[in-house]
Each structure stands twice: as C-alpha cells, then as structure tokens.
Protein backbone atom coordinates (compact mmCIF):
# COMPACT_ATOMS: atom_id res chain seq x y z
CA MET A 1 -60.39 -22.19 -23.55
CA ALA A 2 -58.90 -24.27 -20.74
CA THR A 3 -58.38 -22.58 -17.38
CA PHE A 4 -57.06 -23.35 -13.92
CA HIS A 5 -57.85 -22.03 -10.45
CA LEU A 6 -55.48 -19.41 -9.02
CA ARG A 7 -55.33 -18.14 -5.45
CA VAL A 8 -52.98 -15.35 -4.42
CA LEU A 9 -52.69 -14.80 -0.68
CA THR A 10 -50.78 -12.28 1.41
CA ALA A 11 -50.53 -11.98 5.18
CA GLU A 12 -53.19 -9.25 5.10
CA LYS A 13 -55.76 -10.65 2.67
CA SER A 14 -56.84 -12.92 -0.12
CA PHE A 15 -55.44 -10.83 -2.99
CA PHE A 16 -56.99 -12.74 -5.90
CA GLU A 17 -59.01 -15.89 -6.48
CA GLY A 18 -60.49 -17.10 -9.73
CA GLU A 19 -60.17 -19.05 -12.96
CA VAL A 20 -57.31 -17.94 -15.23
CA ASP A 21 -55.99 -18.83 -18.69
CA ARG A 22 -52.35 -18.54 -17.69
CA CYS A 23 -50.07 -16.87 -15.19
CA ILE A 24 -46.52 -15.56 -15.37
CA VAL A 25 -44.76 -14.90 -12.08
CA ARG A 26 -41.23 -14.11 -10.93
CA ALA A 27 -39.77 -17.09 -9.10
CA ALA A 28 -36.41 -16.80 -7.33
CA THR A 29 -34.67 -18.20 -10.43
CA GLY A 30 -36.58 -16.16 -13.02
CA ASP A 31 -40.00 -15.84 -14.63
CA VAL A 32 -42.20 -18.94 -14.71
CA GLY A 33 -45.20 -19.38 -16.99
CA ILE A 34 -48.04 -21.61 -15.80
CA LEU A 35 -50.72 -23.01 -18.11
CA PRO A 36 -53.70 -25.29 -17.40
CA ASN A 37 -52.75 -28.86 -16.39
CA HIS A 38 -49.19 -27.84 -15.52
CA THR A 39 -47.04 -30.48 -13.89
CA PRO A 40 -46.73 -30.19 -10.08
CA TYR A 41 -44.27 -27.44 -9.20
CA LEU A 42 -43.08 -25.65 -6.06
CA ALA A 43 -40.75 -22.64 -6.02
CA PRO A 44 -39.81 -19.62 -3.91
CA LEU A 45 -40.91 -16.23 -5.25
CA GLY A 46 -38.52 -13.48 -6.14
CA ILE A 47 -39.16 -9.76 -6.51
CA GLY A 48 -40.90 -9.05 -9.79
CA GLY A 49 -44.11 -9.12 -11.73
CA LEU A 50 -47.20 -11.28 -11.60
CA THR A 51 -49.28 -11.29 -14.77
CA ILE A 52 -52.66 -12.97 -14.61
CA TYR A 53 -54.53 -13.67 -17.86
CA GLN A 54 -58.33 -14.02 -17.78
CA ASP A 55 -60.18 -14.41 -21.09
CA GLY A 56 -56.91 -13.48 -22.81
CA LYS A 57 -56.64 -10.13 -20.99
CA PRO A 58 -53.60 -9.50 -18.77
CA ARG A 59 -53.61 -7.86 -15.36
CA LEU A 60 -50.25 -6.95 -13.82
CA ALA A 61 -49.20 -6.84 -10.17
CA ALA A 62 -45.95 -6.35 -8.24
CA VAL A 63 -45.06 -9.34 -6.07
CA ALA A 64 -42.27 -9.98 -3.59
CA HIS A 65 -41.15 -12.98 -1.56
CA GLY A 66 -43.09 -16.09 -0.71
CA PHE A 67 -43.85 -19.34 -2.51
CA LEU A 68 -45.85 -20.69 -5.41
CA GLU A 69 -47.31 -24.16 -5.69
CA VAL A 70 -48.91 -25.79 -8.72
CA GLY A 71 -50.78 -29.08 -8.77
CA GLY A 72 -54.17 -30.59 -9.54
CA ASN A 73 -54.95 -27.87 -12.12
CA GLN A 74 -54.66 -25.15 -9.50
CA MET A 75 -52.00 -22.70 -8.39
CA THR A 76 -51.48 -21.04 -5.04
CA ILE A 77 -49.19 -18.07 -4.49
CA ILE A 78 -48.42 -17.04 -0.94
CA ALA A 79 -46.61 -13.70 -1.11
CA ARG A 80 -45.27 -11.31 1.47
CA THR A 81 -46.49 -8.41 -0.67
CA CYS A 82 -48.61 -8.16 -3.80
CA GLU A 83 -50.35 -5.13 -5.31
CA TRP A 84 -52.01 -4.36 -8.62
CA ALA A 85 -50.02 -2.07 -10.91
CA ASP A 86 -52.84 0.47 -11.10
CA GLU A 87 -53.01 0.68 -7.29
CA ILE A 88 -49.32 1.42 -6.70
CA ASP A 89 -48.68 4.90 -5.33
CA LEU A 90 -45.82 5.93 -7.61
CA HIS A 91 -44.81 8.90 -5.44
CA ARG A 92 -44.60 6.66 -2.36
CA ALA A 93 -42.58 4.05 -4.31
CA GLU A 94 -40.12 6.71 -5.49
CA GLU A 95 -39.71 7.98 -1.91
CA ALA A 96 -39.05 4.39 -0.73
CA LYS A 97 -36.42 4.08 -3.47
CA ARG A 98 -34.67 7.28 -2.34
CA ARG A 99 -34.67 6.12 1.31
CA ALA A 100 -33.30 2.70 0.34
CA GLU A 101 -30.57 4.26 -1.81
CA ALA A 102 -29.51 6.44 1.14
CA ARG A 103 -29.39 3.37 3.39
CA VAL A 104 -27.29 1.49 0.84
CA GLN A 105 -24.84 4.42 0.74
CA ALA A 106 -24.62 4.51 4.57
CA GLN A 107 -23.26 0.92 4.69
CA ARG A 108 -23.42 0.58 8.48
CA SER A 109 -23.35 -3.23 8.74
CA GLN A 110 -23.67 -6.11 6.30
CA LYS A 111 -27.13 -6.95 7.65
CA GLU A 112 -28.34 -3.35 7.22
CA LEU A 113 -26.84 -3.27 3.72
CA ASP A 114 -28.63 -6.52 2.79
CA ILE A 115 -31.96 -5.17 4.07
CA ALA A 116 -31.48 -1.86 2.27
CA GLN A 117 -30.67 -3.64 -1.01
CA ILE A 118 -33.85 -5.75 -0.75
CA LYS A 119 -35.92 -2.64 -0.03
CA LEU A 120 -34.31 -0.93 -3.01
CA LYS A 121 -35.13 -3.87 -5.30
CA LYS A 122 -38.74 -3.88 -4.09
CA ALA A 123 -39.11 -0.13 -4.66
CA ILE A 124 -37.60 -0.34 -8.14
CA ASN A 125 -39.92 -3.24 -8.95
CA ARG A 126 -42.99 -1.31 -7.77
CA ILE A 127 -41.97 1.70 -9.91
CA ARG A 128 -41.34 -0.53 -12.96
CA ILE A 129 -44.68 -2.33 -12.59
CA ALA A 130 -46.62 0.92 -12.00
CA GLN A 131 -45.17 2.48 -15.15
CA LYS A 132 -46.20 -0.40 -17.47
C-alpha cells in the first residue's frame, strides 16, 4: 500500500510523525482528504477532527487553527492545538463548554463575544471527538 510522510506540529511539541495511508483533516472550508502523491495544497485549518490512517487503522484527534501543507508526497500540519481523542479529559472539556456558554451570554463586547464563540466551538469539538 502506498503511503506518505505526515508531520503534525503544535507550539508545544511534535504531535505525530510517521508514514500514513491517508489523512482527513478539517480545513477552514471543510474536511479535506489527503492520499499519497496528492497535488501540492496549502490551506488554513478549522476547528474539527484529524483522522490519521496507518495500515488501514484510523486514529482520531481534535485539531484547531493553523495550516496544512501538502507537497512532495508529504504533509505538514502546524496546529495551535491537537490532542488524541482518547487523551481528551471529557470533564474538563464540558467545563470549558459551560464557561464559554456563560461568556457568550454575557455579550460584553464584540471582541469578547468572538473569543467566547471560538472557545465554545473548540470545547464542543473536543467533546464530539472524545465521544467517538
């Protein structure tokens, strides 16, 4: 089976590096599937899932913000946050969701509302990914 090299980096660490069969990730405009020998591609990341397939087996992570680049039979994802589904603290994610919902309801300024809505989306995404 053909593979390509994938690197996933965050500000804190090298999250993942290895050969993969395919990858599905949430770009800003929707989910993007990458296969070996994909055409060069550059896109901003959204808030969503990252599914990495190795030997046909999927592994799911929550990802938010950053960029992805594909070229030369390799893919690099630079994300603000990325965590494996089985490592997400569901209780902590639910607490973050409650805090974000309270901030959205407070509606102090447009900037605070925008930040609260992003935090809410990230918390909902983490809960959704953890429950899969």
